[in-house]
Amino acid sequence: MPIKSFSKSRFNPVGGIADFWNEIRRPTPYRWPILALSVMPVAAIMGWALEQEYYGEPERPRINYITTLPEGRSDAEILAENRANQEIKDLRAAEEERIAEEKRKMYKALGKATGIDVEAMERKAEAERAAAAAAEAKEREERAARVQPAASESAGQ
């Protein structure tokens, strides 16, 4: 089937443009106001669209490496830093425990003042803390048991 040429198509814009030009050329009293009203919506939409700003995705940074520690540290320096960090961690944990104990004392005093059985509450809280510590120890042992066979397998290879 041969392709129709655009000039023989019913979608040819030439006839429409010719009709428009004939209507504009006729001396009617409202041709310019009608033309202006016809152009205004398109001009308003185009003006709004051209004012919009679109920001594309920023270019991803190119990072070769990130280091916060000096290169070439010796094992002794790493161990010394780890020990210092562990001491700081232990001091923080001790301070948190001291604060928690101080809070418990204050709540006990408040409970005694209001007539609550603080001894029963203390026993219950102590049992919960012991259960949590036991669960944590069990989890630690399970992790160690999982790591140990993997370490022995990798050493044997």
C-alpha atoms as a PDB file:
ATOM      1  CA  MET A   1       0.000   0.000   0.000  1.00  0.00           C
ATOM      2  CA  PRO A   2       1.624   3.271  -1.070  1.00  0.00           C
ATOM      3  CA  ILE A   3       2.105   5.997   1.528  1.00  0.00           C
ATOM      4  CA  LYS A   4      -0.016   9.106   0.911  1.00  0.00           C
ATOM      5  CA  SER A   5       1.878  12.301   0.524  1.00  0.00           C
ATOM      6  CA  PHE A   6       1.371  14.897   3.196  1.00  0.00           C
ATOM      7  CA  SER A   7      -0.164  17.367   0.729  1.00  0.00           C
ATOM      8  CA  LYS A   8      -3.046  14.972  -0.048  1.00  0.00           C
ATOM      9  CA  SER A   9      -3.688  14.145   3.606  1.00  0.00           C
ATOM     10  CA  ARG A  10      -6.710  15.561   5.373  1.00  0.00           C
ATOM     11  CA  PHE A  11      -4.351  16.677   8.164  1.00  0.00           C
ATOM     12  CA  ASN A  12      -2.576  19.139   5.877  1.00  0.00           C
ATOM     13  CA  PRO A  13      -2.206  22.482   7.738  1.00  0.00           C
ATOM     14  CA  VAL A  14      -1.981  24.552   4.568  1.00  0.00           C
ATOM     15  CA  GLY A  15      -5.766  24.836   4.140  1.00  0.00           C
ATOM     16  CA  GLY A  16      -6.229  25.886   7.760  1.00  0.00           C
ATOM     17  CA  ILE A  17      -3.532  28.515   7.555  1.00  0.00           C
ATOM     18  CA  ALA A  18      -5.044  29.885   4.334  1.00  0.00           C
ATOM     19  CA  ASP A  19      -8.512  30.113   5.978  1.00  0.00           C
ATOM     20  CA  PHE A  20      -7.016  31.850   9.027  1.00  0.00           C
ATOM     21  CA  TRP A  21      -5.204  34.356   6.814  1.00  0.00           C
ATOM     22  CA  ASN A  22      -8.405  35.119   4.846  1.00  0.00           C
ATOM     23  CA  GLU A  23     -10.351  35.735   8.079  1.00  0.00           C
ATOM     24  CA  ILE A  24      -7.681  37.992   9.570  1.00  0.00           C
ATOM     25  CA  ARG A  25      -7.432  40.051   6.380  1.00  0.00           C
ATOM     26  CA  ARG A  26     -11.180  40.767   6.308  1.00  0.00           C
ATOM     27  CA  PRO A  27     -11.937  44.131   7.855  1.00  0.00           C
ATOM     28  CA  THR A  28     -14.198  43.063  10.744  1.00  0.00           C
ATOM     29  CA  PRO A  29     -14.393  45.383  13.758  1.00  0.00           C
ATOM     30  CA  TYR A  30     -13.471  42.711  16.392  1.00  0.00           C
ATOM     31  CA  ARG A  31     -10.687  40.836  14.634  1.00  0.00           C
ATOM     32  CA  TRP A  32      -7.814  42.216  16.778  1.00  0.00           C
ATOM     33  CA  PRO A  33      -9.565  41.789  20.163  1.00  0.00           C
ATOM     34  CA  ILE A  34     -10.544  38.232  19.188  1.00  0.00           C
ATOM     35  CA  LEU A  35      -6.964  37.490  18.118  1.00  0.00           C
ATOM     36  CA  ALA A  36      -5.635  38.970  21.376  1.00  0.00           C
ATOM     37  CA  LEU A  37      -8.088  36.891  23.471  1.00  0.00           C
ATOM     38  CA  SER A  38      -7.109  33.794  21.496  1.00  0.00           C
ATOM     39  CA  VAL A  39      -3.400  34.352  22.123  1.00  0.00           C
ATOM     40  CA  MET A  40      -3.711  35.202  25.845  1.00  0.00           C
ATOM     41  CA  PRO A  41      -4.253  31.662  27.262  1.00  0.00           C
ATOM     42  CA  VAL A  42      -1.343  30.265  25.280  1.00  0.00           C
ATOM     43  CA  ALA A  43       0.862  33.209  26.259  1.00  0.00           C
ATOM     44  CA  ALA A  44      -0.109  32.811  29.929  1.00  0.00           C
ATOM     45  CA  ILE A  45       0.659  29.085  29.916  1.00  0.00           C
ATOM     46  CA  MET A  46       3.970  29.638  28.127  1.00  0.00           C
ATOM     47  CA  GLY A  47       4.906  32.429  30.550  1.00  0.00           C
ATOM     48  CA  TRP A  48       4.164  30.218  33.547  1.00  0.00           C
ATOM     49  CA  ALA A  49       6.065  27.277  32.062  1.00  0.00           C
ATOM     50  CA  LEU A  50       9.117  29.343  31.221  1.00  0.00           C
ATOM     51  CA  GLU A  51       9.320  30.728  34.787  1.00  0.00           C
ATOM     52  CA  GLN A  52       9.589  27.242  36.301  1.00  0.00           C
ATOM     53  CA  GLU A  53      13.012  26.165  37.492  1.00  0.00           C
ATOM     54  CA  TYR A  54      14.088  22.575  37.473  1.00  0.00           C
ATOM     55  CA  TYR A  55      17.135  21.444  39.334  1.00  0.00           C
ATOM     56  CA  GLY A  56      18.623  18.192  38.123  1.00  0.00           C
ATOM     57  CA  GLU A  57      20.321  15.635  40.271  1.00  0.00           C
ATOM     58  CA  PRO A  58      23.652  16.925  41.527  1.00  0.00           C
ATOM     59  CA  GLU A  59      26.731  15.239  40.226  1.00  0.00           C
ATOM     60  CA  ARG A  60      27.816  12.425  42.517  1.00  0.00           C
ATOM     61  CA  PRO A  61      31.027  13.253  44.336  1.00  0.00           C
ATOM     62  CA  ARG A  62      34.105  11.348  43.305  1.00  0.00           C
ATOM     63  CA  ILE A  63      35.672   9.887  46.426  1.00  0.00           C
ATOM     64  CA  ASN A  64      38.863   7.902  46.153  1.00  0.00           C
ATOM     65  CA  TYR A  65      39.107   6.995  49.818  1.00  0.00           C
ATOM     66  CA  ILE A  66      38.138   8.299  53.216  1.00  0.00           C
ATOM     67  CA  THR A  67      40.581   8.135  56.064  1.00  0.00           C
ATOM     68  CA  THR A  68      40.360   9.541  59.543  1.00  0.00           C
ATOM     69  CA  LEU A  69      43.460   7.786  60.786  1.00  0.00           C
ATOM     70  CA  PRO A  70      47.026   8.293  59.620  1.00  0.00           C
ATOM     71  CA  GLU A  71      48.409   5.742  57.206  1.00  0.00           C
ATOM     72  CA  GLY A  72      51.129   3.401  58.362  1.00  0.00           C
ATOM     73  CA  ARG A  73      50.069   3.076  61.992  1.00  0.00           C
ATOM     74  CA  SER A  74      51.839   0.276  63.787  1.00  0.00           C
ATOM     75  CA  ASP A  75      50.030  -2.532  65.598  1.00  0.00           C
ATOM     76  CA  ALA A  76      51.247  -1.117  68.924  1.00  0.00           C
ATOM     77  CA  GLU A  77      49.663   2.260  68.145  1.00  0.00           C
ATOM     78  CA  ILE A  78      46.397   0.595  67.151  1.00  0.00           C
ATOM     79  CA  LEU A  79      46.352  -1.469  70.366  1.00  0.00           C
ATOM     80  CA  ALA A  80      47.142   1.595  72.483  1.00  0.00           C
ATOM     81  CA  GLU A  81      44.295   3.533  70.844  1.00  0.00           C
ATOM     82  CA  ASN A  82      41.905   0.600  71.294  1.00  0.00           C
ATOM     83  CA  ARG A  83      42.842   0.344  74.990  1.00  0.00           C
ATOM     84  CA  ALA A  84      42.306   4.087  75.491  1.00  0.00           C
ATOM     85  CA  ASN A  85      38.916   3.877  73.759  1.00  0.00           C
ATOM     86  CA  GLN A  86      37.968   0.865  75.886  1.00  0.00           C
ATOM     87  CA  GLU A  87      38.895   2.767  79.071  1.00  0.00           C
ATOM     88  CA  ILE A  88      36.680   5.657  77.966  1.00  0.00           C
ATOM     89  CA  LYS A  89      33.858   3.220  77.204  1.00  0.00           C
ATOM     90  CA  ASP A  90      34.241   1.573  80.617  1.00  0.00           C
ATOM     91  CA  LEU A  91      34.221   4.952  82.381  1.00  0.00           C
ATOM     92  CA  ARG A  92      31.037   5.941  80.524  1.00  0.00           C
ATOM     93  CA  ALA A  93      29.367   2.635  81.404  1.00  0.00           C
ATOM     94  CA  ALA A  94      30.356   3.054  85.063  1.00  0.00           C
ATOM     95  CA  GLU A  95      28.953   6.595  85.091  1.00  0.00           C
ATOM     96  CA  GLU A  96      25.704   5.424  83.480  1.00  0.00           C
ATOM     97  CA  GLU A  97      25.407   2.668  86.095  1.00  0.00           C
ATOM     98  CA  ARG A  98      26.058   5.175  88.906  1.00  0.00           C
ATOM     99  CA  ILE A  99      23.343   7.470  87.528  1.00  0.00           C
ATOM    100  CA  ALA A 100      20.935   4.524  87.181  1.00  0.00           C
ATOM    101  CA  GLU A 101      21.647   3.489  90.795  1.00  0.00           C
ATOM    102  CA  GLU A 102      21.056   7.069  91.957  1.00  0.00           C
ATOM    103  CA  LYS A 103      17.718   7.113  90.098  1.00  0.00           C
ATOM    104  CA  ARG A 104      16.744   3.797  91.718  1.00  0.00           C
ATOM    105  CA  LYS A 105      17.498   5.252  95.157  1.00  0.00           C
ATOM    106  CA  MET A 106      15.382   8.317  94.418  1.00  0.00           C
ATOM    107  CA  TYR A 107      12.475   6.177  93.167  1.00  0.00           C
ATOM    108  CA  LYS A 108      12.766   3.974  96.261  1.00  0.00           C
ATOM    109  CA  ALA A 109      12.545   7.031  98.494  1.00  0.00           C
ATOM    110  CA  LEU A 110       9.556   8.302  96.536  1.00  0.00           C
ATOM    111  CA  GLY A 111       7.885   4.884  96.677  1.00  0.00           C
ATOM    112  CA  LYS A 112       8.406   4.614 100.455  1.00  0.00           C
ATOM    113  CA  ALA A 113       7.015   8.113 100.907  1.00  0.00           C
ATOM    114  CA  THR A 114       3.872   7.219  98.947  1.00  0.00           C
ATOM    115  CA  GLY A 115       3.378   3.831 100.594  1.00  0.00           C
ATOM    116  CA  ILE A 116       4.321   1.554  97.685  1.00  0.00           C
ATOM    117  CA  ASP A 117       5.993  -1.816  98.335  1.00  0.00           C
ATOM    118  CA  VAL A 118       9.398  -0.878  96.924  1.00  0.00           C
ATOM    119  CA  GLU A 119      11.085  -4.097  98.080  1.00  0.00           C
ATOM    120  CA  ALA A 120       8.845  -6.230  95.833  1.00  0.00           C
ATOM    121  CA  MET A 121       9.399  -3.852  92.943  1.00  0.00           C
ATOM    122  CA  GLU A 122      13.162  -3.984  93.539  1.00  0.00           C
ATOM    123  CA  ARG A 123      13.159  -7.805  93.537  1.00  0.00           C
ATOM    124  CA  LYS A 124      11.168  -7.824  90.281  1.00  0.00           C
ATOM    125  CA  ALA A 125      13.489  -5.279  88.638  1.00  0.00           C
ATOM    126  CA  GLU A 126      16.559  -7.205  89.805  1.00  0.00           C
ATOM    127  CA  ALA A 127      15.128 -10.425  88.339  1.00  0.00           C
ATOM    128  CA  GLU A 128      14.504  -8.639  85.014  1.00  0.00           C
ATOM    129  CA  ARG A 129      18.071  -7.256  84.973  1.00  0.00           C
ATOM    130  CA  ALA A 130      19.473 -10.730  85.750  1.00  0.00           C
ATOM    131  CA  ALA A 131      17.372 -12.293  82.967  1.00  0.00           C
ATOM    132  CA  ALA A 132      18.564  -9.665  80.505  1.00  0.00           C
ATOM    133  CA  ALA A 133      22.193 -10.252  81.510  1.00  0.00           C
ATOM    134  CA  ALA A 134      21.751 -14.031  81.157  1.00  0.00           C
ATOM    135  CA  ALA A 135      20.177 -13.614  77.707  1.00  0.00           C
ATOM    136  CA  GLU A 136      23.038 -11.352  76.652  1.00  0.00           C
ATOM    137  CA  ALA A 137      25.620 -13.861  77.915  1.00  0.00           C
ATOM    138  CA  LYS A 138      23.857 -16.697  76.085  1.00  0.00           C
ATOM    139  CA  GLU A 139      23.772 -14.664  72.863  1.00  0.00           C
ATOM    140  CA  ARG A 140      27.482 -13.890  73.262  1.00  0.00           C
ATOM    141  CA  GLU A 141      28.275 -17.599  73.717  1.00  0.00           C
ATOM    142  CA  GLU A 142      26.218 -18.529  70.637  1.00  0.00           C
ATOM    143  CA  ARG A 143      28.026 -15.941  68.561  1.00  0.00           C
ATOM    144  CA  ALA A 144      31.387 -17.194  69.802  1.00  0.00           C
ATOM    145  CA  ALA A 145      30.376 -20.776  68.965  1.00  0.00           C
ATOM    146  CA  ARG A 146      29.417 -19.718  65.428  1.00  0.00           C
ATOM    147  CA  VAL A 147      32.640 -17.769  64.904  1.00  0.00           C
ATOM    148  CA  GLN A 148      34.954 -20.470  66.293  1.00  0.00           C
ATOM    149  CA  PRO A 149      34.180 -23.177  63.667  1.00  0.00           C
ATOM    150  CA  ALA A 150      34.437 -20.618  60.870  1.00  0.00           C
ATOM    151  CA  ALA A 151      37.825 -19.466  62.165  1.00  0.00           C
ATOM    152  CA  SER A 152      39.120 -23.028  62.445  1.00  0.00           C
ATOM    153  CA  GLU A 153      37.904 -23.833  58.906  1.00  0.00           C
ATOM    154  CA  SER A 154      39.627 -20.787  57.443  1.00  0.00           C
ATOM    155  CA  ALA A 155      42.848 -21.619  59.347  1.00  0.00           C
ATOM    156  CA  GLY A 156      42.794 -25.192  57.972  1.00  0.00           C
ATOM    157  CA  GLN A 157      42.601 -24.051  54.341  1.00  0.00           C
END
